[in-house]
Amino acid sequence: QVQLVESGGGLVQPGGSLRLSCAASGFTFSSYVMSWYRQAPGKERELVATITSTDISTNYVDSVKGRFTISRDNAKNTVYLQMNSLKPEDTAVYYCKAVRATPYRYYWGQGTQVTVSS
Protein backbone atom coordinates (compact mmCIF):
# COMPACT_ATOMS: atom_id res chain seq x y z
CA GLN A 1 0.00 0.00 0.00
CA VAL A 2 1.42 3.34 -1.10
CA GLN A 3 1.62 5.99 1.59
CA LEU A 4 3.02 9.50 1.83
CA VAL A 5 2.70 10.88 5.33
CA GLU A 6 3.56 14.51 5.99
CA SER A 7 4.41 15.85 9.43
CA GLY A 8 6.00 18.87 11.07
CA GLY A 9 3.40 21.52 10.36
CA GLY A 10 2.06 23.88 12.98
CA LEU A 11 1.71 27.47 14.12
CA VAL A 12 4.81 29.65 13.98
CA GLN A 13 5.47 33.38 14.30
CA PRO A 14 6.72 35.42 11.34
CA GLY A 15 10.45 34.97 10.97
CA GLY A 16 10.34 31.53 12.52
CA SER A 17 11.25 28.13 11.10
CA LEU A 18 9.63 24.75 10.55
CA ARG A 19 10.87 21.50 9.10
CA LEU A 20 8.36 19.38 7.23
CA SER A 21 8.90 15.67 6.67
CA CYS A 22 7.21 13.30 4.22
CA ALA A 23 7.69 9.60 4.91
CA ALA A 24 7.09 7.30 1.96
CA SER A 25 6.25 3.62 1.82
CA GLY A 26 4.89 1.08 -0.63
CA PHE A 27 6.96 2.14 -3.65
CA THR A 28 10.60 2.55 -4.71
CA PHE A 29 11.20 5.98 -3.22
CA SER A 30 14.67 6.44 -4.76
CA SER A 31 13.21 6.21 -8.27
CA TYR A 32 10.77 9.09 -7.81
CA VAL A 33 11.09 12.83 -8.15
CA MET A 34 9.77 14.36 -4.96
CA SER A 35 8.04 17.71 -4.66
CA TRP A 36 6.38 19.92 -2.09
CA TYR A 37 3.23 21.81 -3.03
CA ARG A 38 1.09 24.15 -0.99
CA GLN A 39 -2.47 25.39 -1.16
CA ALA A 40 -3.72 28.47 0.64
CA PRO A 41 -7.45 29.05 1.23
CA GLY A 42 -9.15 30.17 -1.95
CA LYS A 43 -6.04 29.65 -4.06
CA GLU A 44 -4.82 26.98 -6.44
CA ARG A 45 -2.27 24.41 -5.38
CA GLU A 46 1.23 25.73 -6.05
CA LEU A 47 4.51 23.91 -6.66
CA VAL A 48 7.01 25.02 -4.02
CA ALA A 49 10.10 22.85 -4.48
CA THR A 50 11.31 19.76 -6.33
CA ILE A 51 14.23 17.39 -5.88
CA THR A 52 15.21 14.85 -8.51
CA SER A 53 15.87 11.19 -7.87
CA THR A 54 19.27 10.90 -9.54
CA ASP A 55 21.47 13.98 -9.49
CA ILE A 56 19.55 15.42 -6.55
CA SER A 57 19.15 18.76 -8.25
CA THR A 58 16.59 21.12 -6.78
CA ASN A 59 14.23 23.81 -7.97
CA TYR A 60 12.15 26.37 -6.08
CA VAL A 61 9.37 28.81 -6.76
CA ASP A 62 10.76 32.34 -6.67
CA SER A 63 8.83 33.31 -3.56
CA VAL A 64 10.72 30.79 -1.37
CA LYS A 65 14.20 30.92 -2.89
CA GLY A 66 16.81 31.54 -0.22
CA ARG A 67 14.36 30.67 2.58
CA PHE A 68 13.29 27.06 1.92
CA THR A 69 15.48 24.00 1.33
CA ILE A 70 14.27 20.66 0.01
CA SER A 71 16.31 17.53 0.71
CA ARG A 72 15.84 13.77 0.69
CA ASP A 73 17.20 10.73 2.48
CA ASN A 74 16.73 7.70 0.27
CA ALA A 75 17.83 5.39 3.08
CA LYS A 76 14.93 6.65 5.20
CA ASN A 77 12.46 7.05 2.30
CA THR A 78 11.86 10.59 3.44
CA VAL A 79 11.83 14.03 1.86
CA TYR A 80 12.16 17.20 3.90
CA LEU A 81 11.34 20.87 3.52
CA GLN A 82 13.26 23.21 5.79
CA MET A 83 11.42 26.51 5.95
CA ASN A 84 13.17 29.55 7.41
CA SER A 85 12.22 33.23 7.67
CA LEU A 86 8.57 32.28 7.39
CA LYS A 87 6.06 34.90 6.32
CA PRO A 88 2.29 35.09 6.79
CA GLU A 89 1.89 34.46 3.06
CA ASP A 90 3.51 31.04 3.54
CA THR A 91 0.38 29.95 5.40
CA ALA A 92 -1.09 26.96 3.56
CA VAL A 93 -1.60 23.24 3.62
CA TYR A 94 1.65 21.66 2.43
CA TYR A 95 1.57 18.45 0.40
CA CYS A 96 4.29 16.15 -0.82
CA LYS A 97 4.07 14.44 -4.18
CA ALA A 98 6.02 11.57 -5.70
CA VAL A 99 6.31 11.28 -9.50
CA ARG A 100 7.94 8.75 -11.79
CA ALA A 101 8.04 9.35 -15.54
CA THR A 102 8.32 5.82 -16.93
CA PRO A 103 5.88 4.25 -16.40
CA TYR A 104 4.01 7.34 -15.27
CA ARG A 105 3.00 7.15 -11.63
CA TYR A 106 2.23 9.80 -9.04
CA TYR A 107 1.16 9.82 -5.42
CA TRP A 108 0.03 12.56 -3.03
CA GLY A 109 0.25 12.87 0.70
CA GLN A 110 -2.67 14.05 2.84
CA GLY A 111 -1.13 17.41 3.70
CA THR A 112 0.04 19.23 6.80
CA GLN A 113 -1.12 22.69 7.89
CA VAL A 114 1.42 25.49 8.25
CA THR A 115 0.18 28.72 9.81
CA VAL A 116 2.43 31.76 10.12
CA SER A 117 0.90 34.33 12.43
CA SER A 118 1.74 36.52 15.38
C-alpha atoms as a PDB file:
ATOM      1  CA  GLN A   1       0.000   0.000   0.000  1.00  0.00           C
ATOM      2  CA  VAL A   2       1.419   3.337  -1.097  1.00  0.00           C
ATOM      3  CA  GLN A   3       1.616   5.989   1.588  1.00  0.00           C
ATOM      4  CA  LEU A   4       3.021   9.497   1.831  1.00  0.00           C
ATOM      5  CA  VAL A   5       2.696  10.880   5.331  1.00  0.00           C
ATOM      6  CA  GLU A   6       3.562  14.513   5.991  1.00  0.00           C
ATOM      7  CA  SER A   7       4.405  15.851   9.431  1.00  0.00           C
ATOM      8  CA  GLY A   8       6.001  18.866  11.068  1.00  0.00           C
ATOM      9  CA  GLY A   9       3.396  21.520  10.356  1.00  0.00           C
ATOM     10  CA  GLY A  10       2.064  23.882  12.976  1.00  0.00           C
ATOM     11  CA  LEU A  11       1.708  27.472  14.122  1.00  0.00           C
ATOM     12  CA  VAL A  12       4.815  29.653  13.976  1.00  0.00           C
ATOM     13  CA  GLN A  13       5.471  33.378  14.299  1.00  0.00           C
ATOM     14  CA  PRO A  14       6.716  35.416  11.341  1.00  0.00           C
ATOM     15  CA  GLY A  15      10.454  34.973  10.972  1.00  0.00           C
ATOM     16  CA  GLY A  16      10.340  31.528  12.516  1.00  0.00           C
ATOM     17  CA  SER A  17      11.250  28.128  11.102  1.00  0.00           C
ATOM     18  CA  LEU A  18       9.634  24.755  10.554  1.00  0.00           C
ATOM     19  CA  ARG A  19      10.875  21.498   9.105  1.00  0.00           C
ATOM     20  CA  LEU A  20       8.364  19.380   7.230  1.00  0.00           C
ATOM     21  CA  SER A  21       8.895  15.674   6.667  1.00  0.00           C
ATOM     22  CA  CYS A  22       7.214  13.304   4.218  1.00  0.00           C
ATOM     23  CA  ALA A  23       7.690   9.604   4.911  1.00  0.00           C
ATOM     24  CA  ALA A  24       7.093   7.297   1.955  1.00  0.00           C
ATOM     25  CA  SER A  25       6.250   3.618   1.819  1.00  0.00           C
ATOM     26  CA  GLY A  26       4.894   1.080  -0.635  1.00  0.00           C
ATOM     27  CA  PHE A  27       6.955   2.143  -3.652  1.00  0.00           C
ATOM     28  CA  THR A  28      10.595   2.546  -4.710  1.00  0.00           C
ATOM     29  CA  PHE A  29      11.203   5.980  -3.224  1.00  0.00           C
ATOM     30  CA  SER A  30      14.668   6.443  -4.759  1.00  0.00           C
ATOM     31  CA  SER A  31      13.210   6.214  -8.271  1.00  0.00           C
ATOM     32  CA  TYR A  32      10.772   9.085  -7.810  1.00  0.00           C
ATOM     33  CA  VAL A  33      11.092  12.830  -8.153  1.00  0.00           C
ATOM     34  CA  MET A  34       9.768  14.361  -4.956  1.00  0.00           C
ATOM     35  CA  SER A  35       8.038  17.707  -4.658  1.00  0.00           C
ATOM     36  CA  TRP A  36       6.378  19.917  -2.092  1.00  0.00           C
ATOM     37  CA  TYR A  37       3.228  21.812  -3.031  1.00  0.00           C
ATOM     38  CA  ARG A  38       1.087  24.146  -0.986  1.00  0.00           C
ATOM     39  CA  GLN A  39      -2.474  25.393  -1.155  1.00  0.00           C
ATOM     40  CA  ALA A  40      -3.718  28.471   0.637  1.00  0.00           C
ATOM     41  CA  PRO A  41      -7.451  29.051   1.233  1.00  0.00           C
ATOM     42  CA  GLY A  42      -9.154  30.174  -1.950  1.00  0.00           C
ATOM     43  CA  LYS A  43      -6.044  29.647  -4.063  1.00  0.00           C
ATOM     44  CA  GLU A  44      -4.821  26.977  -6.440  1.00  0.00           C
ATOM     45  CA  ARG A  45      -2.271  24.409  -5.378  1.00  0.00           C
ATOM     46  CA  GLU A  46       1.234  25.732  -6.049  1.00  0.00           C
ATOM     47  CA  LEU A  47       4.513  23.910  -6.659  1.00  0.00           C
ATOM     48  CA  VAL A  48       7.013  25.019  -4.025  1.00  0.00           C
ATOM     49  CA  ALA A  49      10.102  22.855  -4.477  1.00  0.00           C
ATOM     50  CA  THR A  50      11.311  19.764  -6.325  1.00  0.00           C
ATOM     51  CA  ILE A  51      14.235  17.391  -5.883  1.00  0.00           C
ATOM     52  CA  THR A  52      15.206  14.850  -8.507  1.00  0.00           C
ATOM     53  CA  SER A  53      15.868  11.189  -7.874  1.00  0.00           C
ATOM     54  CA  THR A  54      19.267  10.900  -9.543  1.00  0.00           C
ATOM     55  CA  ASP A  55      21.468  13.978  -9.491  1.00  0.00           C
ATOM     56  CA  ILE A  56      19.548  15.421  -6.552  1.00  0.00           C
ATOM     57  CA  SER A  57      19.151  18.762  -8.254  1.00  0.00           C
ATOM     58  CA  THR A  58      16.595  21.121  -6.783  1.00  0.00           C
ATOM     59  CA  ASN A  59      14.225  23.814  -7.972  1.00  0.00           C
ATOM     60  CA  TYR A  60      12.147  26.372  -6.079  1.00  0.00           C
ATOM     61  CA  VAL A  61       9.372  28.809  -6.764  1.00  0.00           C
ATOM     62  CA  ASP A  62      10.764  32.341  -6.674  1.00  0.00           C
ATOM     63  CA  SER A  63       8.833  33.312  -3.557  1.00  0.00           C
ATOM     64  CA  VAL A  64      10.715  30.793  -1.375  1.00  0.00           C
ATOM     65  CA  LYS A  65      14.201  30.916  -2.892  1.00  0.00           C
ATOM     66  CA  GLY A  66      16.809  31.544  -0.221  1.00  0.00           C
ATOM     67  CA  ARG A  67      14.358  30.667   2.576  1.00  0.00           C
ATOM     68  CA  PHE A  68      13.292  27.058   1.917  1.00  0.00           C
ATOM     69  CA  THR A  69      15.475  24.004   1.332  1.00  0.00           C
ATOM     70  CA  ILE A  70      14.268  20.657   0.010  1.00  0.00           C
ATOM     71  CA  SER A  71      16.306  17.529   0.714  1.00  0.00           C
ATOM     72  CA  ARG A  72      15.845  13.772   0.685  1.00  0.00           C
ATOM     73  CA  ASP A  73      17.202  10.734   2.484  1.00  0.00           C
ATOM     74  CA  ASN A  74      16.730   7.704   0.269  1.00  0.00           C
ATOM     75  CA  ALA A  75      17.828   5.387   3.077  1.00  0.00           C
ATOM     76  CA  LYS A  76      14.927   6.646   5.196  1.00  0.00           C
ATOM     77  CA  ASN A  77      12.459   7.048   2.297  1.00  0.00           C
ATOM     78  CA  THR A  78      11.856  10.592   3.443  1.00  0.00           C
ATOM     79  CA  VAL A  79      11.833  14.030   1.864  1.00  0.00           C
ATOM     80  CA  TYR A  80      12.159  17.205   3.905  1.00  0.00           C
ATOM     81  CA  LEU A  81      11.339  20.873   3.523  1.00  0.00           C
ATOM     82  CA  GLN A  82      13.265  23.208   5.788  1.00  0.00           C
ATOM     83  CA  MET A  83      11.419  26.509   5.949  1.00  0.00           C
ATOM     84  CA  ASN A  84      13.171  29.551   7.410  1.00  0.00           C
ATOM     85  CA  SER A  85      12.222  33.227   7.671  1.00  0.00           C
ATOM     86  CA  LEU A  86       8.569  32.278   7.393  1.00  0.00           C
ATOM     87  CA  LYS A  87       6.056  34.903   6.322  1.00  0.00           C
ATOM     88  CA  PRO A  88       2.289  35.091   6.790  1.00  0.00           C
ATOM     89  CA  GLU A  89       1.894  34.462   3.062  1.00  0.00           C
ATOM     90  CA  ASP A  90       3.515  31.040   3.537  1.00  0.00           C
ATOM     91  CA  THR A  91       0.380  29.952   5.397  1.00  0.00           C
ATOM     92  CA  ALA A  92      -1.094  26.961   3.561  1.00  0.00           C
ATOM     93  CA  VAL A  93      -1.600  23.241   3.617  1.00  0.00           C
ATOM     94  CA  TYR A  94       1.649  21.664   2.426  1.00  0.00           C
ATOM     95  CA  TYR A  95       1.572  18.446   0.404  1.00  0.00           C
ATOM     96  CA  CYS A  96       4.292  16.146  -0.820  1.00  0.00           C
ATOM     97  CA  LYS A  97       4.074  14.444  -4.183  1.00  0.00           C
ATOM     98  CA  ALA A  98       6.017  11.569  -5.702  1.00  0.00           C
ATOM     99  CA  VAL A  99       6.309  11.275  -9.497  1.00  0.00           C
ATOM    100  CA  ARG A 100       7.941   8.754 -11.792  1.00  0.00           C
ATOM    101  CA  ALA A 101       8.042   9.347 -15.538  1.00  0.00           C
ATOM    102  CA  THR A 102       8.318   5.823 -16.927  1.00  0.00           C
ATOM    103  CA  PRO A 103       5.880   4.245 -16.403  1.00  0.00           C
ATOM    104  CA  TYR A 104       4.009   7.342 -15.272  1.00  0.00           C
ATOM    105  CA  ARG A 105       3.002   7.152 -11.627  1.00  0.00           C
ATOM    106  CA  TYR A 106       2.230   9.797  -9.037  1.00  0.00           C
ATOM    107  CA  TYR A 107       1.158   9.819  -5.416  1.00  0.00           C
ATOM    108  CA  TRP A 108       0.032  12.563  -3.030  1.00  0.00           C
ATOM    109  CA  GLY A 109       0.247  12.870   0.702  1.00  0.00           C
ATOM    110  CA  GLN A 110      -2.673  14.048   2.838  1.00  0.00           C
ATOM    111  CA  GLY A 111      -1.131  17.412   3.703  1.00  0.00           C
ATOM    112  CA  THR A 112       0.038  19.233   6.803  1.00  0.00           C
ATOM    113  CA  GLN A 113      -1.117  22.691   7.893  1.00  0.00           C
ATOM    114  CA  VAL A 114       1.415  25.491   8.251  1.00  0.00           C
ATOM    115  CA  THR A 115       0.180  28.723   9.808  1.00  0.00           C
ATOM    116  CA  VAL A 116       2.428  31.761  10.120  1.00  0.00           C
ATOM    117  CA  SER A 117       0.896  34.330  12.431  1.00  0.00           C
ATOM    118  CA  SER A 118       1.742  36.517  15.382  1.00  0.00           C
END
